[in-house]
Amino acid sequence: MNERDLLQSGFRYALSLRHAQADAEDLVQEAWLRLHRKSGRVASRSLLFTTIRNLYLDQYRRERLIAFAPLDEVAEPANVEPLLDDRVSARDLEAPLAALRPEEREALYLHAVEGYTAQEIAGLTMRARGTVLSLLHRAKRKLAKAIAAGGDRPAPRRQAG
């Protein structure tokens, strides 16, 4: 993965945490700078993500953030649209995603966009695998409920079996 792709991936992850473009840019820049100071390069995406997450947690504790500002004019990442079906657009997900708890949004982003498994997310976020699975389940359930409530068509139902 080249540096540009690595930065874009880190920005999308930071955006999933902060939900504000300027804050996400600051997180990525600070993480990139710290990693370059330490070893002269960014060794891997997981190291960048871990550094971004640690910086986010430090800021969260310092500022005691409660709510995240909604995205206003941020361009959608190129690889998000294929994850969505024809019932909902990425813009329609802004409010439901903002309503998720930060932990749920983080786990959902890492799983759905970055393609990490629950075990890998558990390692990155220092949570138990069961906790990650629970966060993913709750986030998906909340999004499905929000889409069903706001859309013309109901969310698909699970078939018994």
C-alpha atoms as a PDB file:
ATOM      1  CA  MET A   1       0.000   0.000   0.000  1.00  0.00           C
ATOM      2  CA  ASN A   2       1.507   3.350  -0.993  1.00  0.00           C
ATOM      3  CA  GLU A   3       1.594   6.353   1.344  1.00  0.00           C
ATOM      4  CA  ARG A   4      -1.312   8.128  -0.350  1.00  0.00           C
ATOM      5  CA  ASP A   5      -3.592   5.104   0.043  1.00  0.00           C
ATOM      6  CA  LEU A   6      -2.416   4.666   3.607  1.00  0.00           C
ATOM      7  CA  LEU A   7      -3.226   8.306   4.411  1.00  0.00           C
ATOM      8  CA  GLN A   8      -6.664   8.032   2.795  1.00  0.00           C
ATOM      9  CA  SER A   9      -7.408   4.870   4.746  1.00  0.00           C
ATOM     10  CA  GLY A  10      -6.270   6.544   7.957  1.00  0.00           C
ATOM     11  CA  PHE A  11      -8.399   9.600   7.197  1.00  0.00           C
ATOM     12  CA  ARG A  12     -11.522   7.492   6.638  1.00  0.00           C
ATOM     13  CA  TYR A  13     -10.878   5.700   9.941  1.00  0.00           C
ATOM     14  CA  ALA A  14     -10.332   8.984  11.786  1.00  0.00           C
ATOM     15  CA  LEU A  15     -13.513  10.346  10.201  1.00  0.00           C
ATOM     16  CA  SER A  16     -15.428   7.350  11.523  1.00  0.00           C
ATOM     17  CA  LEU A  17     -14.176   8.224  15.007  1.00  0.00           C
ATOM     18  CA  ARG A  18     -14.560  12.006  15.025  1.00  0.00           C
ATOM     19  CA  HIS A  19     -17.281  12.474  12.415  1.00  0.00           C
ATOM     20  CA  ALA A  20     -15.865  15.924  11.586  1.00  0.00           C
ATOM     21  CA  GLN A  21     -13.479  16.465   8.680  1.00  0.00           C
ATOM     22  CA  ALA A  22     -11.139  18.951  10.362  1.00  0.00           C
ATOM     23  CA  ASP A  23     -10.804  16.809  13.500  1.00  0.00           C
ATOM     24  CA  ALA A  24     -10.147  13.710  11.402  1.00  0.00           C
ATOM     25  CA  GLU A  25      -7.464  15.535   9.425  1.00  0.00           C
ATOM     26  CA  ASP A  26      -5.816  16.635  12.671  1.00  0.00           C
ATOM     27  CA  LEU A  27      -5.823  13.081  14.029  1.00  0.00           C
ATOM     28  CA  VAL A  28      -4.227  11.658  10.884  1.00  0.00           C
ATOM     29  CA  GLN A  29      -1.634  14.402  10.698  1.00  0.00           C
ATOM     30  CA  GLU A  30      -0.642  13.978  14.341  1.00  0.00           C
ATOM     31  CA  ALA A  31      -0.500  10.182  14.045  1.00  0.00           C
ATOM     32  CA  TRP A  32       1.575  10.377  10.861  1.00  0.00           C
ATOM     33  CA  LEU A  33       3.970  12.840  12.481  1.00  0.00           C
ATOM     34  CA  ARG A  34       4.397  10.731  15.614  1.00  0.00           C
ATOM     35  CA  LEU A  35       5.103   7.571  13.627  1.00  0.00           C
ATOM     36  CA  HIS A  36       7.640   9.354  11.425  1.00  0.00           C
ATOM     37  CA  ARG A  37       9.388  10.836  14.448  1.00  0.00           C
ATOM     38  CA  LYS A  38       9.596   7.430  16.072  1.00  0.00           C
ATOM     39  CA  SER A  39      10.747   5.254  13.179  1.00  0.00           C
ATOM     40  CA  GLY A  40      11.049   7.460  10.098  1.00  0.00           C
ATOM     41  CA  ARG A  41       8.113   5.780   8.368  1.00  0.00           C
ATOM     42  CA  VAL A  42       4.647   4.324   8.849  1.00  0.00           C
ATOM     43  CA  ALA A  43       5.184   0.574   8.934  1.00  0.00           C
ATOM     44  CA  SER A  44       1.597  -0.649   8.496  1.00  0.00           C
ATOM     45  CA  ARG A  45      -2.040   0.333   8.312  1.00  0.00           C
ATOM     46  CA  SER A  46      -2.783  -1.342  11.638  1.00  0.00           C
ATOM     47  CA  LEU A  47      -0.032   0.691  13.330  1.00  0.00           C
ATOM     48  CA  LEU A  48      -1.459   3.901  11.835  1.00  0.00           C
ATOM     49  CA  PHE A  49      -4.984   2.934  12.961  1.00  0.00           C
ATOM     50  CA  THR A  50      -3.783   2.115  16.470  1.00  0.00           C
ATOM     51  CA  THR A  51      -1.976   5.457  16.722  1.00  0.00           C
ATOM     52  CA  ILE A  52      -5.042   7.339  15.445  1.00  0.00           C
ATOM     53  CA  ARG A  53      -7.256   5.501  17.923  1.00  0.00           C
ATOM     54  CA  ASN A  54      -4.930   6.241  20.835  1.00  0.00           C
ATOM     55  CA  LEU A  55      -4.803   9.930  19.911  1.00  0.00           C
ATOM     56  CA  TYR A  56      -8.595   9.979  19.620  1.00  0.00           C
ATOM     57  CA  LEU A  57      -8.978   8.405  23.064  1.00  0.00           C
ATOM     58  CA  ASP A  58      -6.539  10.907  24.551  1.00  0.00           C
ATOM     59  CA  GLN A  59      -8.509  13.794  23.066  1.00  0.00           C
ATOM     60  CA  TYR A  60     -11.828  12.239  24.085  1.00  0.00           C
ATOM     61  CA  ARG A  61     -10.702  11.946  27.675  1.00  0.00           C
ATOM     62  CA  ARG A  62      -9.290  15.464  27.664  1.00  0.00           C
ATOM     63  CA  GLU A  63     -12.284  17.150  26.082  1.00  0.00           C
ATOM     64  CA  ARG A  64     -15.006  14.830  27.383  1.00  0.00           C
ATOM     65  CA  LEU A  65     -16.743  14.818  24.025  1.00  0.00           C
ATOM     66  CA  ILE A  66     -20.361  13.731  24.177  1.00  0.00           C
ATOM     67  CA  ALA A  67     -21.754  14.217  20.675  1.00  0.00           C
ATOM     68  CA  PHE A  68     -20.146  14.395  17.265  1.00  0.00           C
ATOM     69  CA  ALA A  69     -20.811  17.129  14.733  1.00  0.00           C
ATOM     70  CA  PRO A  70     -22.610  15.892  11.599  1.00  0.00           C
ATOM     71  CA  LEU A  71     -20.845  15.788   8.268  1.00  0.00           C
ATOM     72  CA  ASP A  72     -21.796  18.767   6.136  1.00  0.00           C
ATOM     73  CA  GLU A  73     -19.853  18.984   2.921  1.00  0.00           C
ATOM     74  CA  VAL A  74     -17.498  16.015   3.158  1.00  0.00           C
ATOM     75  CA  ALA A  75     -17.096  13.961   0.006  1.00  0.00           C
ATOM     76  CA  GLU A  76     -17.993  10.307   0.377  1.00  0.00           C
ATOM     77  CA  PRO A  77     -15.079   7.875   0.349  1.00  0.00           C
ATOM     78  CA  ALA A  78     -14.949   6.081  -2.994  1.00  0.00           C
ATOM     79  CA  ASN A  79     -15.284   2.594  -1.561  1.00  0.00           C
ATOM     80  CA  VAL A  80     -18.362   3.115   0.662  1.00  0.00           C
ATOM     81  CA  GLU A  81     -21.065   3.131  -2.021  1.00  0.00           C
ATOM     82  CA  PRO A  82     -20.597  -0.512  -3.085  1.00  0.00           C
ATOM     83  CA  LEU A  83     -21.400  -1.545   0.497  1.00  0.00           C
ATOM     84  CA  LEU A  84     -24.855  -0.019   0.247  1.00  0.00           C
ATOM     85  CA  ASP A  85     -27.753  -1.489  -1.633  1.00  0.00           C
ATOM     86  CA  ASP A  86     -30.298   0.374  -3.753  1.00  0.00           C
ATOM     87  CA  ARG A  87     -32.544   1.192  -0.781  1.00  0.00           C
ATOM     88  CA  VAL A  88     -30.259   3.766   0.801  1.00  0.00           C
ATOM     89  CA  SER A  89     -27.514   6.183  -0.195  1.00  0.00           C
ATOM     90  CA  ALA A  90     -24.454   7.109   1.836  1.00  0.00           C
ATOM     91  CA  ARG A  91     -25.965  10.545   2.566  1.00  0.00           C
ATOM     92  CA  ASP A  92     -29.059   8.849   4.016  1.00  0.00           C
ATOM     93  CA  LEU A  93     -26.810   7.101   6.536  1.00  0.00           C
ATOM     94  CA  GLU A  94     -25.262  10.260   7.997  1.00  0.00           C
ATOM     95  CA  ALA A  95     -27.862  10.788  10.716  1.00  0.00           C
ATOM     96  CA  PRO A  96     -28.171   7.117  11.718  1.00  0.00           C
ATOM     97  CA  LEU A  97     -24.378   6.765  11.840  1.00  0.00           C
ATOM     98  CA  ALA A  98     -24.062   9.925  13.931  1.00  0.00           C
ATOM     99  CA  ALA A  99     -26.638   8.474  16.352  1.00  0.00           C
ATOM    100  CA  LEU A 100     -24.508   5.372  16.989  1.00  0.00           C
ATOM    101  CA  ARG A 101     -22.237   5.268  19.991  1.00  0.00           C
ATOM    102  CA  PRO A 102     -18.602   5.949  18.996  1.00  0.00           C
ATOM    103  CA  GLU A 103     -17.632   2.365  19.861  1.00  0.00           C
ATOM    104  CA  GLU A 104     -20.353   0.988  17.578  1.00  0.00           C
ATOM    105  CA  ARG A 105     -19.445   3.334  14.738  1.00  0.00           C
ATOM    106  CA  GLU A 106     -15.766   2.438  15.051  1.00  0.00           C
ATOM    107  CA  ALA A 107     -16.403  -1.321  15.008  1.00  0.00           C
ATOM    108  CA  LEU A 108     -18.815  -1.001  12.085  1.00  0.00           C
ATOM    109  CA  TYR A 109     -16.357   1.089  10.082  1.00  0.00           C
ATOM    110  CA  LEU A 110     -13.458  -1.275  10.686  1.00  0.00           C
ATOM    111  CA  HIS A 111     -15.593  -4.255   9.697  1.00  0.00           C
ATOM    112  CA  ALA A 112     -17.641  -2.897   6.787  1.00  0.00           C
ATOM    113  CA  VAL A 113     -15.209  -0.482   5.138  1.00  0.00           C
ATOM    114  CA  GLU A 114     -11.749  -1.708   6.077  1.00  0.00           C
ATOM    115  CA  GLY A 115     -12.677  -5.396   6.015  1.00  0.00           C
ATOM    116  CA  TYR A 116     -11.280  -6.383   9.402  1.00  0.00           C
ATOM    117  CA  THR A 117     -12.603  -9.498  11.135  1.00  0.00           C
ATOM    118  CA  ALA A 118     -14.045  -9.351  14.643  1.00  0.00           C
ATOM    119  CA  GLN A 119     -10.842 -10.888  15.995  1.00  0.00           C
ATOM    120  CA  GLU A 120      -8.687  -8.267  14.236  1.00  0.00           C
ATOM    121  CA  ILE A 121     -10.929  -5.446  15.482  1.00  0.00           C
ATOM    122  CA  ALA A 122     -10.650  -6.848  18.998  1.00  0.00           C
ATOM    123  CA  GLY A 123      -6.861  -6.665  18.726  1.00  0.00           C
ATOM    124  CA  LEU A 124      -6.885  -3.131  17.330  1.00  0.00           C
ATOM    125  CA  THR A 125      -9.330  -1.756  19.884  1.00  0.00           C
ATOM    126  CA  MET A 126      -8.173  -3.848  22.849  1.00  0.00           C
ATOM    127  CA  ARG A 127     -11.645  -5.280  23.411  1.00  0.00           C
ATOM    128  CA  ALA A 128     -12.815  -8.847  23.742  1.00  0.00           C
ATOM    129  CA  ARG A 129     -13.973 -10.528  20.513  1.00  0.00           C
ATOM    130  CA  GLY A 130     -17.435 -11.038  22.022  1.00  0.00           C
ATOM    131  CA  THR A 131     -17.681  -7.326  22.789  1.00  0.00           C
ATOM    132  CA  VAL A 132     -16.780  -6.487  19.184  1.00  0.00           C
ATOM    133  CA  LEU A 133     -19.400  -8.926  17.883  1.00  0.00           C
ATOM    134  CA  SER A 134     -21.959  -7.354  20.196  1.00  0.00           C
ATOM    135  CA  LEU A 135     -21.039  -3.832  19.041  1.00  0.00           C
ATOM    136  CA  LEU A 136     -21.334  -4.890  15.398  1.00  0.00           C
ATOM    137  CA  HIS A 137     -24.702  -6.552  15.990  1.00  0.00           C
ATOM    138  CA  ARG A 138     -26.136  -3.530  17.825  1.00  0.00           C
ATOM    139  CA  ALA A 139     -24.812  -1.069  15.229  1.00  0.00           C
ATOM    140  CA  LYS A 140     -26.291  -3.073  12.352  1.00  0.00           C
ATOM    141  CA  ARG A 141     -29.606  -3.446  14.173  1.00  0.00           C
ATOM    142  CA  LYS A 142     -29.801   0.305  14.891  1.00  0.00           C
ATOM    143  CA  LEU A 143     -28.961   1.172  11.268  1.00  0.00           C
ATOM    144  CA  ALA A 144     -31.536  -1.287   9.926  1.00  0.00           C
ATOM    145  CA  LYS A 145     -34.173   0.195  12.249  1.00  0.00           C
ATOM    146  CA  ALA A 146     -33.301   3.762  11.185  1.00  0.00           C
ATOM    147  CA  ILE A 147     -33.380   2.851   7.497  1.00  0.00           C
ATOM    148  CA  ALA A 148     -36.717   1.067   7.899  1.00  0.00           C
ATOM    149  CA  ALA A 149     -38.182   4.031   9.769  1.00  0.00           C
ATOM    150  CA  GLY A 150     -36.925   6.622   7.299  1.00  0.00           C
ATOM    151  CA  GLY A 151     -37.220   4.766   4.021  1.00  0.00           C
ATOM    152  CA  ASP A 152     -40.079   3.930   1.725  1.00  0.00           C
ATOM    153  CA  ARG A 153     -39.401   0.213   1.918  1.00  0.00           C
ATOM    154  CA  PRO A 154     -39.031  -1.773   5.124  1.00  0.00           C
ATOM    155  CA  ALA A 155     -35.759  -3.397   6.081  1.00  0.00           C
ATOM    156  CA  PRO A 156     -35.449  -7.006   4.951  1.00  0.00           C
ATOM    157  CA  ARG A 157     -36.602  -9.520   7.516  1.00  0.00           C
ATOM    158  CA  ARG A 158     -34.617 -12.523   8.582  1.00  0.00           C
ATOM    159  CA  GLN A 159     -36.089 -15.817   7.536  1.00  0.00           C
ATOM    160  CA  ALA A 160     -36.514 -18.435  10.182  1.00  0.00           C
ATOM    161  CA  GLY A 161     -34.472 -21.477   9.605  1.00  0.00           C
END
